Amino acid sequence: MKINNRMNTIKEYHFKKIEENKKVLINQGKEIIDLSIGDPDLPVEKSIVQALENALCTKNYNNYPPYDGIIQLKNEIINYYKQVFNVSLVREEVLILIGSKEGISNIIPAVCDFGDTLIMPEPAYPVYETCSRLWGTEPYTIPLKESHGYLPDLSAIPDNIRRKAKLFFINYPNNPTGAIANDYFYKYIVNYCIDNDIVLCNDGAYNEIIMEKRQPLSLLQFDPDKKFIEFGSFSKTYNMTGFRIGYVVGNRNIIDAICKVKSNLDSGQFIPIQLAAVAALKLDRNYVDRVRKVYDKRREIAISILNEKNIKVFSGGGTFYIWCKIPHNYTTDEFCEELLDQNGLIVTPGYCFGNSGYGYFRISLTKSCGEIEKTLKKLKKYE
């Protein structure tokens, strides 16, 4: 039996391997704490669960949902963008997704032909490059450097890439570095992509996960003509990773094309889950402030202890991740294996986000303050 040659270019999703290895260690009786995967430990708000239960118990929702999502959820997303970002949307500019990961994949065939070039950052969420290769396009990675605030240096993109690129993925607030984009950067990259006829796409899964005193930003605030798109997710802000619900907003022609792909690959998300997302967006803004405070406290504790251990960190103030430098005299694997063997701590090696991640590791702040403090204090002091 022959398998598609493209499979030779696809790496297994690293977090699947982490999960499998974790199960083996637990079965061996090893006590571990997993700070690798970005899966929030906070509970789902009761009103969200209640909305799901009510939908399951009071109506017959076993039929297919609308391919583009229910009107109630579209309306709440429209209200959310107006309230938080002062961006006006209409329903045709909103598409409901089975998690934003689905949209990241589906935008590629919607915009690109086989062999087209995609620009994407590195280190980055690995799904961008994987999906590019799955759809037969050519990923061009632009390194993100701490000296540049982990923002892409657009002047470093070669002219031949700039001229032929069809799609440009960005992700701010950024996974894995925690970097946050500012107004100047958004204006700069919007103009760059307009001038070069490139579709710009921001993966805004962490838009709300920023330091409490900062104002969240959306790409669409700097794209008044709505030439581009932004993905959104309920997974991180509302602790709904398992619900698999997200959306894409922005340019209606691009959204129509994504919906055309989507309607041939899936039949939309279960309506009760969409109604749970409606309940999430109806929560008072104080809820989001409380979530930010939780991660602010965890970030503060983790950075303080890591500094004591002479582990250099980049504190961008976004997401619930901390991007850390591997200490001197260690390879990435040696250090991560030592953390596991000596402290029962699982972290994500930086190279899981691309080759420029060698020499780094990522910590996820998805355990309680007490667990984070107890675990990190076990680490030895490095030179």
Protein backbone atom coordinates (compact mmCIF):
# COMPACT_ATOMS: atom_id res chain seq x y z
CA MET A 1 0.00 0.00 0.00
CA LYS A 2 1.37 3.40 -0.98
CA ILE A 3 1.07 6.39 1.34
CA ASN A 4 1.09 9.99 0.11
CA ASN A 5 4.69 11.19 -0.18
CA ARG A 6 3.72 14.37 1.66
CA MET A 7 3.45 12.27 4.83
CA ASN A 8 7.24 12.08 4.79
CA THR A 9 7.35 15.85 5.35
CA ILE A 10 4.85 15.79 8.23
CA LYS A 11 6.01 15.37 11.80
CA GLU A 12 3.79 13.76 14.40
CA TYR A 13 2.10 16.41 16.55
CA HIS A 14 4.51 16.74 19.47
CA PHE A 15 1.82 17.18 22.10
CA LYS A 16 0.33 13.83 21.10
CA LYS A 17 3.71 12.27 21.87
CA ILE A 18 3.91 14.13 25.19
CA GLU A 19 0.48 12.81 26.16
CA GLU A 20 1.47 9.24 25.26
CA ASN A 21 4.76 9.47 27.18
CA LYS A 22 2.95 10.95 30.18
CA LYS A 23 0.57 7.98 30.32
CA VAL A 24 3.52 5.58 30.34
CA LEU A 25 5.18 7.45 33.22
CA ILE A 26 1.96 7.56 35.25
CA ASN A 27 1.44 3.83 34.72
CA GLN A 28 4.97 3.32 36.04
CA GLY A 29 3.95 5.13 39.22
CA LYS A 30 6.02 8.25 38.60
CA GLU A 31 4.68 11.47 40.10
CA ILE A 32 4.73 14.16 37.43
CA ILE A 33 3.48 17.68 36.83
CA ASP A 34 2.75 18.62 33.24
CA LEU A 35 3.57 22.21 32.34
CA SER A 36 3.86 21.46 28.64
CA ILE A 37 0.41 21.61 27.08
CA GLY A 38 -1.73 24.77 26.97
CA ASP A 39 -4.83 23.13 28.43
CA PRO A 40 -6.32 25.40 31.14
CA ASP A 41 -6.96 23.87 34.55
CA LEU A 42 -9.58 26.49 35.47
CA PRO A 43 -13.21 25.29 35.57
CA VAL A 44 -15.77 26.18 32.94
CA GLU A 45 -18.22 28.78 34.28
CA LYS A 46 -21.49 27.30 35.55
CA SER A 47 -23.61 29.39 33.19
CA ILE A 48 -21.78 27.88 30.21
CA VAL A 49 -22.35 24.34 31.45
CA GLN A 50 -25.97 25.19 32.23
CA ALA A 51 -26.53 26.51 28.72
CA LEU A 52 -25.17 23.26 27.31
CA GLU A 53 -27.35 21.17 29.62
CA ASN A 54 -30.45 23.21 28.85
CA ALA A 55 -29.90 22.85 25.12
CA LEU A 56 -29.48 19.10 25.46
CA CYS A 57 -32.55 18.68 27.65
CA THR A 58 -35.08 21.13 26.23
CA LYS A 59 -34.77 20.83 22.45
CA ASN A 60 -34.14 18.24 19.79
CA TYR A 61 -30.77 19.30 18.41
CA ASN A 62 -29.80 16.02 16.77
CA ASN A 63 -30.09 17.49 13.26
CA TYR A 64 -27.31 19.08 11.22
CA PRO A 65 -26.40 22.62 12.30
CA PRO A 66 -26.11 25.50 9.81
CA TYR A 67 -22.82 25.16 7.92
CA ASP A 68 -21.77 28.71 8.83
CA GLY A 69 -22.96 28.60 12.45
CA ILE A 70 -26.07 29.63 14.35
CA ILE A 71 -27.27 33.23 14.19
CA GLN A 72 -27.25 33.62 17.99
CA LEU A 73 -23.52 32.93 18.19
CA LYS A 74 -22.71 35.12 15.21
CA ASN A 75 -24.61 37.98 16.84
CA GLU A 76 -22.72 37.57 20.13
CA ILE A 77 -19.37 37.60 18.31
CA ILE A 78 -20.46 40.77 16.50
CA ASN A 79 -21.38 42.34 19.86
CA TYR A 80 -18.08 41.19 21.39
CA TYR A 81 -15.95 42.76 18.65
CA LYS A 82 -17.86 46.02 18.94
CA GLN A 83 -17.65 46.15 22.73
CA VAL A 84 -14.02 45.08 23.15
CA PHE A 85 -12.33 46.29 19.95
CA ASN A 86 -14.80 48.86 18.54
CA VAL A 87 -14.86 46.85 15.30
CA SER A 88 -18.17 46.63 13.42
CA LEU A 89 -19.04 43.31 11.80
CA VAL A 90 -22.04 41.83 9.99
CA ARG A 91 -23.05 38.18 9.97
CA GLU A 92 -21.49 37.53 6.57
CA GLU A 93 -18.14 38.46 8.12
CA VAL A 94 -18.38 35.76 10.81
CA LEU A 95 -17.96 32.00 10.39
CA ILE A 96 -18.24 29.50 13.24
CA LEU A 97 -15.54 26.82 13.38
CA ILE A 98 -14.97 23.49 15.11
CA GLY A 99 -12.07 25.09 16.96
CA SER A 100 -9.75 27.61 15.35
CA LYS A 101 -7.29 24.84 14.36
CA GLU A 102 -9.81 23.76 11.72
CA GLY A 103 -9.84 27.27 10.27
CA ILE A 104 -6.05 27.42 10.14
CA SER A 105 -6.13 24.37 7.91
CA ASN A 106 -9.10 25.38 5.77
CA ILE A 107 -7.89 28.88 4.91
CA ILE A 108 -4.96 27.41 2.98
CA PRO A 109 -6.93 25.72 0.17
CA ALA A 110 -9.38 28.64 0.29
CA VAL A 111 -6.61 31.12 -0.59
CA CYS A 112 -3.73 29.14 -2.08
CA ASP A 113 -3.03 26.86 -5.03
CA PHE A 114 -0.65 23.90 -4.92
CA GLY A 115 2.92 25.14 -4.78
CA ASP A 116 2.04 28.63 -3.53
CA THR A 117 4.16 30.20 -0.80
CA LEU A 118 2.98 30.90 2.76
CA ILE A 119 4.90 33.13 5.16
CA MET A 120 4.81 32.15 8.81
CA PRO A 121 6.79 32.96 11.95
CA GLU A 122 9.19 30.66 13.74
CA PRO A 123 9.12 29.64 16.55
CA ALA A 124 5.39 29.14 16.11
CA TYR A 125 2.39 26.93 16.68
CA PRO A 126 3.45 23.92 14.57
CA VAL A 127 0.05 23.54 12.89
CA TYR A 128 0.79 26.43 10.49
CA GLU A 129 3.69 24.62 8.84
CA THR A 130 2.10 21.18 9.04
CA CYS A 131 -1.11 22.33 7.36
CA SER A 132 0.88 24.15 4.71
CA ARG A 133 2.67 20.94 3.80
CA LEU A 134 -0.53 18.87 3.97
CA TRP A 135 -2.16 21.12 1.37
CA GLY A 136 0.87 21.05 -0.93
CA THR A 137 1.99 24.63 -0.39
CA GLU A 138 5.47 25.90 0.44
CA PRO A 139 6.05 27.34 3.93
CA TYR A 140 8.58 30.15 4.28
CA THR A 141 9.51 30.70 7.92
CA ILE A 142 10.69 34.05 9.19
CA PRO A 143 12.66 33.84 12.46
CA LEU A 144 11.32 35.66 15.51
CA LYS A 145 14.13 37.05 17.66
CA GLU A 146 14.13 38.35 21.21
CA SER A 147 16.13 41.38 20.06
CA HIS A 148 13.12 42.29 17.89
CA GLY A 149 10.55 41.58 20.61
CA TYR A 150 9.63 38.32 18.85
CA LEU A 151 7.96 40.32 16.09
CA PRO A 152 8.84 39.43 12.48
CA ASP A 153 11.36 41.67 10.75
CA LEU A 154 9.51 42.23 7.48
CA SER A 155 12.53 43.88 5.88
CA ALA A 156 14.33 40.52 6.11
CA ILE A 157 11.84 38.78 3.81
CA PRO A 158 13.51 38.29 0.40
CA ASP A 159 11.95 40.09 -2.55
CA ASN A 160 11.22 36.85 -4.40
CA ILE A 161 9.26 35.52 -1.39
CA ARG A 162 7.44 38.82 -0.89
CA ARG A 163 6.34 38.90 -4.52
CA LYS A 164 4.99 35.35 -4.68
CA ALA A 165 3.55 34.83 -1.17
CA LYS A 166 -0.22 34.34 -0.97
CA LEU A 167 -0.79 34.05 2.77
CA PHE A 168 0.93 35.39 5.91
CA PHE A 169 0.19 33.81 9.29
CA ILE A 170 0.84 35.78 12.47
CA ASN A 171 -0.13 34.91 16.04
CA TYR A 172 -0.38 37.64 18.67
CA PRO A 173 -0.41 37.37 21.61
CA ASN A 174 2.21 34.83 20.62
CA ASN A 175 2.55 31.13 21.30
CA PRO A 176 5.17 30.09 22.39
CA THR A 177 6.99 33.31 23.35
CA GLY A 178 4.21 35.31 25.04
CA ALA A 179 5.09 38.37 22.94
CA ILE A 180 2.42 41.01 22.32
CA ALA A 181 2.07 43.08 19.15
CA ASN A 182 1.53 46.83 19.45
CA ASP A 183 -0.39 49.33 17.32
CA TYR A 184 2.67 50.24 15.26
CA PHE A 185 3.38 46.63 14.30
CA TYR A 186 -0.21 45.92 13.26
CA LYS A 187 -0.31 49.05 11.08
CA TYR A 188 3.05 48.17 9.56
CA ILE A 189 2.18 44.58 8.67
CA VAL A 190 -1.29 45.49 7.38
CA ASN A 191 0.25 48.01 4.97
CA TYR A 192 2.98 45.53 4.01
CA CYS A 193 0.43 42.86 3.08
CA ILE A 194 -1.81 45.34 1.22
CA ASP A 195 1.16 46.61 -0.79
CA ASN A 196 2.22 43.06 -1.68
CA ASP A 197 -1.26 41.57 -2.19
CA ILE A 198 -0.81 38.99 0.57
CA VAL A 199 -3.69 37.71 2.69
CA LEU A 200 -2.87 38.41 6.34
CA CYS A 201 -4.29 36.13 9.00
CA ASN A 202 -3.91 36.63 12.75
CA ASP A 203 -4.43 33.63 15.00
CA GLY A 204 -5.99 35.51 17.90
CA ALA A 205 -6.59 32.54 20.19
CA TYR A 206 -4.90 34.42 23.06
CA ASN A 207 -6.27 37.92 22.37
CA GLU A 208 -7.72 38.14 25.89
CA ILE A 209 -4.90 36.35 27.75
CA ILE A 210 -2.71 39.37 28.48
CA MET A 211 -1.53 41.18 31.59
CA GLU A 212 -4.51 42.69 33.38
CA LYS A 213 -3.59 46.34 32.83
CA ARG A 214 -3.11 45.99 29.06
CA GLN A 215 -5.83 46.61 26.51
CA PRO A 216 -6.48 43.66 24.17
CA LEU A 217 -5.95 44.34 20.48
CA SER A 218 -7.40 42.82 17.32
CA LEU A 219 -5.88 42.85 13.86
CA LEU A 220 -9.19 44.16 12.53
CA GLN A 221 -8.76 47.41 14.46
CA PHE A 222 -5.97 48.24 12.02
CA ASP A 223 -7.69 46.84 8.93
CA PRO A 224 -10.68 49.20 8.47
CA ASP A 225 -11.45 47.93 4.97
CA LYS A 226 -11.54 44.34 6.23
CA LYS A 227 -9.14 42.97 3.69
CA PHE A 228 -7.88 40.33 6.12
CA ILE A 229 -9.09 37.85 8.75
CA GLU A 230 -8.62 36.88 12.37
CA PHE A 231 -9.28 33.58 14.11
CA GLY A 232 -10.77 33.46 17.58
CA SER A 233 -11.17 30.67 20.11
CA PHE A 234 -13.15 29.89 23.24
CA SER A 235 -10.52 27.40 24.42
CA LYS A 236 -8.16 29.66 26.34
CA THR A 237 -10.25 32.56 27.65
CA TYR A 238 -13.21 30.41 28.65
CA ASN A 239 -11.37 27.15 29.46
CA MET A 240 -13.33 25.31 26.76
CA THR A 241 -10.54 23.39 25.00
CA GLY A 242 -12.56 20.18 24.82
CA PHE A 243 -15.67 21.89 23.43
CA ARG A 244 -13.93 22.56 20.09
CA ILE A 245 -15.53 25.87 19.21
CA GLY A 246 -13.99 28.90 17.52
CA TYR A 247 -14.60 31.39 14.73
CA VAL A 248 -13.06 33.47 11.96
CA VAL A 249 -13.99 37.10 11.29
CA GLY A 250 -13.11 39.67 8.66
CA ASN A 251 -13.11 39.74 4.87
CA ARG A 252 -16.34 38.18 3.63
CA ASN A 253 -14.87 36.88 0.37
CA ILE A 254 -12.18 34.97 2.23
CA ILE A 255 -14.75 33.74 4.74
CA ASP A 256 -17.02 32.56 1.91
CA ALA A 257 -14.09 30.61 0.47
CA ILE A 258 -13.27 29.05 3.85
CA CYS A 259 -16.93 28.10 4.27
CA LYS A 260 -16.90 26.45 0.84
CA VAL A 261 -13.96 24.29 1.92
CA LYS A 262 -15.50 23.65 5.33
CA SER A 263 -18.91 22.62 3.99
CA ASN A 264 -17.23 19.87 1.96
CA LEU A 265 -15.18 18.58 4.89
CA ASP A 266 -17.49 18.79 7.90
CA SER A 267 -21.06 19.63 8.84
CA GLY A 268 -20.52 22.26 11.51
CA GLN A 269 -20.37 22.17 15.29
CA PHE A 270 -23.12 20.61 17.44
CA ILE A 271 -25.70 23.33 18.22
CA PRO A 272 -25.68 22.88 22.04
CA ILE A 273 -21.94 23.57 22.02
CA GLN A 274 -22.55 26.72 19.99
CA LEU A 275 -25.16 27.78 22.54
CA ALA A 276 -22.62 27.19 25.32
CA ALA A 277 -20.32 29.59 23.45
CA VAL A 278 -23.16 32.13 23.36
CA ALA A 279 -23.35 31.88 27.16
CA ALA A 280 -19.59 32.41 27.38
CA LEU A 281 -19.76 35.67 25.44
CA LYS A 282 -22.64 36.85 27.63
CA LEU A 283 -20.44 36.66 30.74
CA ASP A 284 -19.62 39.96 32.40
CA ARG A 285 -16.24 41.45 31.44
CA ASN A 286 -15.22 41.00 35.07
CA TYR A 287 -14.91 37.30 34.28
CA VAL A 288 -12.10 37.99 31.80
CA ASP A 289 -10.40 40.27 34.33
CA ARG A 290 -10.46 37.45 36.89
CA VAL A 291 -8.89 35.03 34.41
CA ARG A 292 -6.14 37.54 33.67
CA LYS A 293 -5.45 38.03 37.37
CA VAL A 294 -5.01 34.28 37.82
CA TYR A 295 -2.43 34.06 35.03
CA ASP A 296 -0.73 37.29 36.14
CA LYS A 297 -0.15 35.78 39.59
CA ARG A 298 1.09 32.49 38.18
CA ARG A 299 3.39 34.31 35.76
CA GLU A 300 4.80 36.45 38.58
CA ILE A 301 5.52 33.41 40.77
CA ALA A 302 7.07 31.38 37.96
CA ILE A 303 9.32 34.18 36.68
CA SER A 304 10.51 35.02 40.19
CA ILE A 305 11.54 31.42 40.91
CA LEU A 306 13.09 30.88 37.47
CA ASN A 307 15.17 34.02 37.97
CA GLU A 308 16.36 32.62 41.32
CA LYS A 309 17.44 29.46 39.49
CA ASN A 310 19.37 31.54 36.91
CA ILE A 311 17.04 30.49 34.11
CA LYS A 312 16.61 33.39 31.71
CA VAL A 313 13.02 34.11 30.70
CA PHE A 314 11.31 36.35 28.17
CA SER A 315 8.35 38.09 29.77
CA GLY A 316 6.15 39.37 26.98
CA GLY A 317 3.05 39.59 29.15
CA GLY A 318 0.80 37.67 26.78
CA THR A 319 -0.67 34.13 26.74
CA PHE A 320 -0.20 31.77 29.68
CA TYR A 321 3.24 30.62 28.54
CA ILE A 322 6.77 31.52 29.59
CA TRP A 323 9.57 31.22 27.04
CA CYS A 324 12.82 30.22 28.74
CA LYS A 325 16.46 29.89 27.72
CA ILE A 326 18.15 26.53 28.21
CA PRO A 327 21.02 26.97 30.74
CA HIS A 328 24.64 26.87 29.57
CA ASN A 329 26.29 23.49 28.96
CA TYR A 330 23.01 21.71 28.19
CA THR A 331 21.40 20.67 24.95
CA THR A 332 17.65 21.19 24.76
CA ASP A 333 16.94 17.47 25.19
CA GLU A 334 19.44 17.03 28.02
CA PHE A 335 17.86 19.82 30.03
CA CYS A 336 14.24 18.78 29.44
CA GLU A 337 15.08 15.17 30.30
CA GLU A 338 16.81 16.30 33.51
CA LEU A 339 13.71 18.24 34.54
CA LEU A 340 11.63 15.12 34.04
CA ASP A 341 14.03 12.64 35.65
CA GLN A 342 14.95 14.74 38.69
CA ASN A 343 11.80 16.80 39.26
CA GLY A 344 8.96 14.99 37.48
CA LEU A 345 8.40 18.13 35.42
CA ILE A 346 7.29 17.99 31.78
CA VAL A 347 7.96 21.10 29.69
CA THR A 348 7.90 21.64 25.93
CA PRO A 349 11.27 21.69 24.14
CA GLY A 350 11.56 24.85 22.07
CA TYR A 351 12.35 22.98 18.85
CA CYS A 352 8.76 21.70 18.82
CA PHE A 353 7.95 25.19 17.50
CA GLY A 354 10.65 25.14 14.82
CA ASN A 355 14.41 24.95 14.52
CA SER A 356 14.90 28.45 15.94
CA GLY A 357 13.46 27.09 19.19
CA TYR A 358 16.56 25.01 19.88
CA GLY A 359 18.12 26.29 23.08
CA TYR A 360 14.73 27.21 24.59
CA PHE A 361 11.82 25.58 26.38
CA ARG A 362 8.24 26.62 27.09
CA ILE A 363 6.39 26.46 30.39
CA SER A 364 2.60 26.48 30.46
CA LEU A 365 0.97 28.19 33.46
CA THR A 366 -1.93 25.75 33.57
CA LYS A 367 -1.52 24.54 37.14
CA SER A 368 -2.30 26.27 40.41
CA CYS A 369 0.06 28.80 41.98
CA GLY A 370 0.89 26.26 44.67
CA GLU A 371 1.75 23.51 42.20
CA ILE A 372 3.86 25.84 40.06
CA GLU A 373 5.73 27.19 43.09
CA LYS A 374 6.32 23.76 44.63
CA THR A 375 7.58 22.26 41.37
CA LEU A 376 9.84 25.10 40.24
CA LYS A 377 11.42 25.47 43.68
CA LYS A 378 12.67 21.89 43.33
CA LEU A 379 14.89 22.90 40.44
CA LYS A 380 18.56 23.31 41.16
CA LYS A 381 20.33 26.63 40.66
CA TYR A 382 22.01 26.68 37.26
CA GLU A 383 25.24 28.42 36.30
